[in-house]
Amino acid sequence: GAPFTDLDPRKVPDDIKILRALKEAGIIFCTPPGAYDDSFMIKYARMCDVCIVTNDLLRDYIEKQRDVNEADEWVKTHCVRYMFVNEVFVPLT
């Protein structure tokens, strides 16, 4: 069948063409199928010394780390929370 036809419409991107173009340009990256997305995303962000734009508190990732305090501090200083106001992206941190 057609891609995304069996998914919840609320979980399907609004503009798949834009996402594909951003991926091809190396601006966004996808988690490999079957990978634990939190760990993959955080490992990549640490490696590249970048921030993650997410509203996920990443509690499950933090709880699995040997040094919970260090992991919690890293998440607090490297994750940018956000919201949309009248369809405008607004970073909160």
N, C-alpha and C. Protein backbone atom coordinates (compact mmCIF):
# COMPACT_ATOMS: atom_id res chain seq x y z
N GLY A 1 0.82 -1.19 0.00
CA GLY A 1 0.00 0.00 0.00
C GLY A 1 0.86 1.25 0.00
N ALA A 2 0.19 2.37 -0.02
CA ALA A 2 0.86 3.68 0.01
C ALA A 2 1.50 3.90 1.38
N PRO A 3 2.64 4.60 1.42
CA PRO A 3 3.28 4.85 2.71
C PRO A 3 2.38 5.69 3.62
N PHE A 4 2.44 5.39 4.90
CA PHE A 4 1.74 6.13 5.95
C PHE A 4 0.23 5.92 5.96
N THR A 5 -0.35 5.04 5.12
CA THR A 5 -1.80 4.89 5.09
C THR A 5 -2.33 4.19 6.33
N ASP A 6 -1.50 3.39 7.00
CA ASP A 6 -1.95 2.66 8.18
C ASP A 6 -1.57 3.36 9.48
N LEU A 7 -1.04 4.57 9.40
CA LEU A 7 -0.63 5.31 10.60
C LEU A 7 -1.71 6.28 11.06
N ASP A 8 -1.64 6.59 12.33
CA ASP A 8 -2.50 7.62 12.90
C ASP A 8 -2.18 8.94 12.21
N PRO A 9 -3.16 9.61 11.61
CA PRO A 9 -2.90 10.86 10.87
C PRO A 9 -2.21 11.93 11.70
N ARG A 10 -2.38 11.89 13.02
CA ARG A 10 -1.72 12.88 13.88
C ARG A 10 -0.22 12.64 13.97
N LYS A 11 0.24 11.46 13.57
CA LYS A 11 1.66 11.12 13.66
C LYS A 11 2.37 11.18 12.31
N VAL A 12 1.66 11.55 11.28
CA VAL A 12 2.24 11.65 9.94
C VAL A 12 2.70 13.08 9.72
N PRO A 13 3.93 13.27 9.25
CA PRO A 13 4.43 14.63 9.00
C PRO A 13 3.55 15.38 8.01
N ASP A 14 3.45 16.69 8.21
CA ASP A 14 2.65 17.53 7.33
C ASP A 14 3.23 17.62 5.92
N ASP A 15 4.54 17.68 5.83
CA ASP A 15 5.17 17.85 4.52
C ASP A 15 6.37 16.91 4.39
N ILE A 16 6.10 15.72 3.91
CA ILE A 16 7.13 14.70 3.79
C ILE A 16 8.21 15.12 2.79
N LYS A 17 7.86 15.86 1.77
CA LYS A 17 8.86 16.32 0.78
C LYS A 17 9.91 17.20 1.45
N ILE A 18 9.49 18.08 2.33
CA ILE A 18 10.44 18.94 3.04
C ILE A 18 11.35 18.10 3.93
N LEU A 19 10.78 17.14 4.63
CA LEU A 19 11.59 16.28 5.50
C LEU A 19 12.63 15.51 4.68
N ARG A 20 12.22 14.98 3.55
CA ARG A 20 13.17 14.24 2.70
C ARG A 20 14.29 15.17 2.22
N ALA A 21 13.94 16.38 1.83
CA ALA A 21 14.95 17.34 1.35
C ALA A 21 15.92 17.69 2.48
N LEU A 22 15.42 17.88 3.69
CA LEU A 22 16.28 18.19 4.83
C LEU A 22 17.20 17.01 5.15
N LYS A 23 16.67 15.80 5.04
CA LYS A 23 17.50 14.61 5.27
C LYS A 23 18.59 14.51 4.21
N GLU A 24 18.23 14.69 2.96
CA GLU A 24 19.22 14.61 1.87
C GLU A 24 20.29 15.69 2.01
N ALA A 25 19.93 16.84 2.57
CA ALA A 25 20.89 17.93 2.76
C ALA A 25 21.76 17.73 4.01
N GLY A 26 21.47 16.68 4.79
CA GLY A 26 22.25 16.42 5.99
C GLY A 26 21.88 17.32 7.15
N ILE A 27 20.70 17.92 7.09
CA ILE A 27 20.25 18.83 8.15
C ILE A 27 19.54 18.07 9.26
N ILE A 28 18.79 17.03 8.89
CA ILE A 28 18.16 16.18 9.89
C ILE A 28 18.62 14.75 9.66
N PHE A 29 18.55 13.95 10.70
CA PHE A 29 18.98 12.56 10.64
C PHE A 29 17.89 11.68 11.20
N CYS A 30 17.79 10.48 10.68
CA CYS A 30 16.79 9.52 11.13
C CYS A 30 17.45 8.45 11.99
N THR A 31 16.71 7.99 12.97
CA THR A 31 17.19 6.89 13.80
C THR A 31 17.08 5.60 12.99
N PRO A 32 18.10 4.77 13.01
CA PRO A 32 18.01 3.50 12.27
C PRO A 32 16.85 2.65 12.79
N PRO A 33 16.18 1.93 11.90
CA PRO A 33 15.07 1.08 12.35
C PRO A 33 15.52 0.12 13.44
N GLY A 34 14.71 0.01 14.49
CA GLY A 34 15.01 -0.90 15.58
C GLY A 34 15.97 -0.35 16.62
N ALA A 35 16.55 0.81 16.39
CA ALA A 35 17.49 1.39 17.35
C ALA A 35 16.72 2.10 18.47
N TYR A 36 17.33 2.14 19.64
CA TYR A 36 16.76 2.89 20.76
C TYR A 36 17.00 4.36 20.48
N ASP A 37 15.96 5.08 20.10
CA ASP A 37 16.13 6.43 19.56
C ASP A 37 16.75 7.42 20.54
N ASP A 38 16.45 7.33 21.83
CA ASP A 38 17.04 8.26 22.80
C ASP A 38 18.56 8.13 22.83
N SER A 39 19.02 6.90 22.95
CA SER A 39 20.47 6.68 23.02
C SER A 39 21.16 7.10 21.73
N PHE A 40 20.57 6.77 20.60
CA PHE A 40 21.14 7.13 19.31
C PHE A 40 21.24 8.64 19.18
N MET A 41 20.16 9.32 19.51
CA MET A 41 20.10 10.78 19.39
C MET A 41 21.11 11.44 20.32
N ILE A 42 21.18 10.98 21.55
CA ILE A 42 22.08 11.59 22.53
C ILE A 42 23.54 11.30 22.18
N LYS A 43 23.83 10.09 21.75
CA LYS A 43 25.21 9.77 21.34
C LYS A 43 25.64 10.67 20.19
N TYR A 44 24.77 10.86 19.22
CA TYR A 44 25.09 11.71 18.08
C TYR A 44 25.28 13.17 18.54
N ALA A 45 24.39 13.65 19.39
CA ALA A 45 24.49 15.03 19.88
C ALA A 45 25.78 15.24 20.68
N ARG A 46 26.15 14.28 21.50
CA ARG A 46 27.41 14.39 22.26
C ARG A 46 28.61 14.39 21.32
N MET A 47 28.58 13.52 20.32
CA MET A 47 29.69 13.40 19.39
C MET A 47 29.90 14.70 18.61
N CYS A 48 28.80 15.35 18.25
CA CYS A 48 28.87 16.57 17.45
C CYS A 48 28.80 17.84 18.29
N ASP A 49 28.68 17.69 19.60
CA ASP A 49 28.56 18.81 20.53
C ASP A 49 27.45 19.78 20.10
N VAL A 50 26.25 19.21 19.95
CA VAL A 50 25.08 20.00 19.56
C VAL A 50 23.95 19.78 20.56
N CYS A 51 22.93 20.59 20.45
CA CYS A 51 21.75 20.46 21.29
C CYS A 51 20.68 19.65 20.57
N ILE A 52 19.74 19.14 21.34
CA ILE A 52 18.61 18.38 20.81
C ILE A 52 17.35 19.20 21.04
N VAL A 53 16.56 19.36 20.00
CA VAL A 53 15.28 20.06 20.12
C VAL A 53 14.22 19.00 20.39
N THR A 54 13.73 18.96 21.62
CA THR A 54 12.76 17.94 22.02
C THR A 54 12.00 18.38 23.25
N ASN A 55 10.79 17.88 23.37
CA ASN A 55 10.03 18.07 24.60
C ASN A 55 10.06 16.81 25.46
N ASP A 56 10.76 15.80 24.99
CA ASP A 56 10.94 14.57 25.74
C ASP A 56 11.89 14.86 26.89
N LEU A 57 11.53 14.46 28.09
CA LEU A 57 12.40 14.68 29.26
C LEU A 57 13.52 13.65 29.34
N LEU A 58 13.46 12.63 28.50
CA LEU A 58 14.50 11.61 28.40
C LEU A 58 14.76 10.90 29.72
N ARG A 59 13.72 10.74 30.54
CA ARG A 59 13.86 10.11 31.85
C ARG A 59 14.36 8.67 31.74
N ASP A 60 13.83 7.92 30.76
CA ASP A 60 14.25 6.52 30.63
C ASP A 60 15.73 6.43 30.28
N TYR A 61 16.22 7.34 29.46
CA TYR A 61 17.65 7.37 29.13
C TYR A 61 18.46 7.67 30.40
N ILE A 62 18.07 8.70 31.13
CA ILE A 62 18.79 9.12 32.34
C ILE A 62 18.86 7.97 33.35
N GLU A 63 17.74 7.30 33.56
CA GLU A 63 17.69 6.23 34.56
C GLU A 63 18.58 5.05 34.20
N LYS A 64 18.90 4.85 32.93
CA LYS A 64 19.72 3.72 32.50
C LYS A 64 21.22 4.01 32.58
N GLN A 65 21.60 5.23 32.90
CA GLN A 65 23.01 5.60 32.90
C GLN A 65 23.67 5.28 34.24
N ARG A 66 24.97 4.98 34.19
CA ARG A 66 25.73 4.72 35.43
C ARG A 66 25.78 5.97 36.29
N ASP A 67 26.05 7.10 35.67
CA ASP A 67 26.13 8.37 36.39
C ASP A 67 24.85 9.16 36.08
N VAL A 68 23.83 8.91 36.86
CA VAL A 68 22.51 9.53 36.64
C VAL A 68 22.60 11.04 36.75
N ASN A 69 23.39 11.55 37.69
CA ASN A 69 23.50 13.00 37.86
C ASN A 69 24.14 13.66 36.64
N GLU A 70 25.18 13.04 36.09
CA GLU A 70 25.83 13.60 34.90
C GLU A 70 24.89 13.56 33.72
N ALA A 71 24.17 12.45 33.55
CA ALA A 71 23.22 12.32 32.44
C ALA A 71 22.10 13.35 32.56
N ASP A 72 21.60 13.53 33.76
CA ASP A 72 20.54 14.52 34.00
C ASP A 72 21.02 15.93 33.69
N GLU A 73 22.24 16.24 34.12
CA GLU A 73 22.80 17.57 33.86
C GLU A 73 23.01 17.79 32.37
N TRP A 74 23.49 16.76 31.66
CA TRP A 74 23.70 16.89 30.22
C TRP A 74 22.36 17.16 29.52
N VAL A 75 21.35 16.42 29.88
CA VAL A 75 20.02 16.61 29.26
C VAL A 75 19.52 18.02 29.53
N LYS A 76 19.68 18.50 30.75
CA LYS A 76 19.20 19.85 31.10
C LYS A 76 19.93 20.94 30.32
N THR A 77 21.20 20.73 30.02
CA THR A 77 21.98 21.77 29.35
C THR A 77 22.05 21.61 27.83
N HIS A 78 21.57 20.48 27.30
CA HIS A 78 21.68 20.24 25.86
C HIS A 78 20.35 19.97 25.16
N CYS A 79 19.25 20.06 25.88
CA CYS A 79 17.94 19.85 25.25
C CYS A 79 17.17 21.17 25.25
N VAL A 80 16.67 21.51 24.10
CA VAL A 80 15.90 22.74 23.93
C VAL A 80 14.43 22.36 23.85
N ARG A 81 13.68 22.79 24.83
CA ARG A 81 12.23 22.57 24.82
C ARG A 81 11.60 23.63 23.92
N TYR A 82 10.41 23.32 23.45
CA TYR A 82 9.77 24.26 22.52
C TYR A 82 8.26 24.17 22.58
N MET A 83 7.61 25.12 21.94
CA MET A 83 6.16 25.11 21.74
C MET A 83 5.87 25.87 20.46
N PHE A 84 4.65 25.78 20.00
CA PHE A 84 4.22 26.54 18.84
C PHE A 84 3.15 27.53 19.29
N VAL A 85 3.29 28.77 18.88
CA VAL A 85 2.30 29.82 19.16
C VAL A 85 1.83 30.33 17.81
N ASN A 86 0.56 30.12 17.52
CA ASN A 86 0.02 30.51 16.21
C ASN A 86 0.89 30.00 15.07
N GLU A 87 1.27 28.73 15.17
CA GLU A 87 2.08 28.04 14.16
C GLU A 87 3.52 28.56 14.05
N VAL A 88 3.96 29.33 15.03
CA VAL A 88 5.34 29.84 15.06
C VAL A 88 6.12 29.03 16.08
N PHE A 89 7.26 28.50 15.68
CA PHE A 89 8.13 27.74 16.57
C PHE A 89 8.75 28.66 17.61
N VAL A 90 8.61 28.32 18.88
CA VAL A 90 9.15 29.15 19.97
C VAL A 90 9.99 28.26 20.89
N PRO A 91 11.33 28.39 20.85
CA PRO A 91 12.17 27.65 21.79
C PRO A 91 11.97 28.20 23.20
N LEU A 92 11.95 27.31 24.19
CA LEU A 92 11.68 27.73 25.57
C LEU A 92 12.94 27.85 26.41
N THR A 93 14.02 27.24 25.99
CA THR A 93 15.24 27.29 26.79
C THR A 93 16.41 27.77 25.95
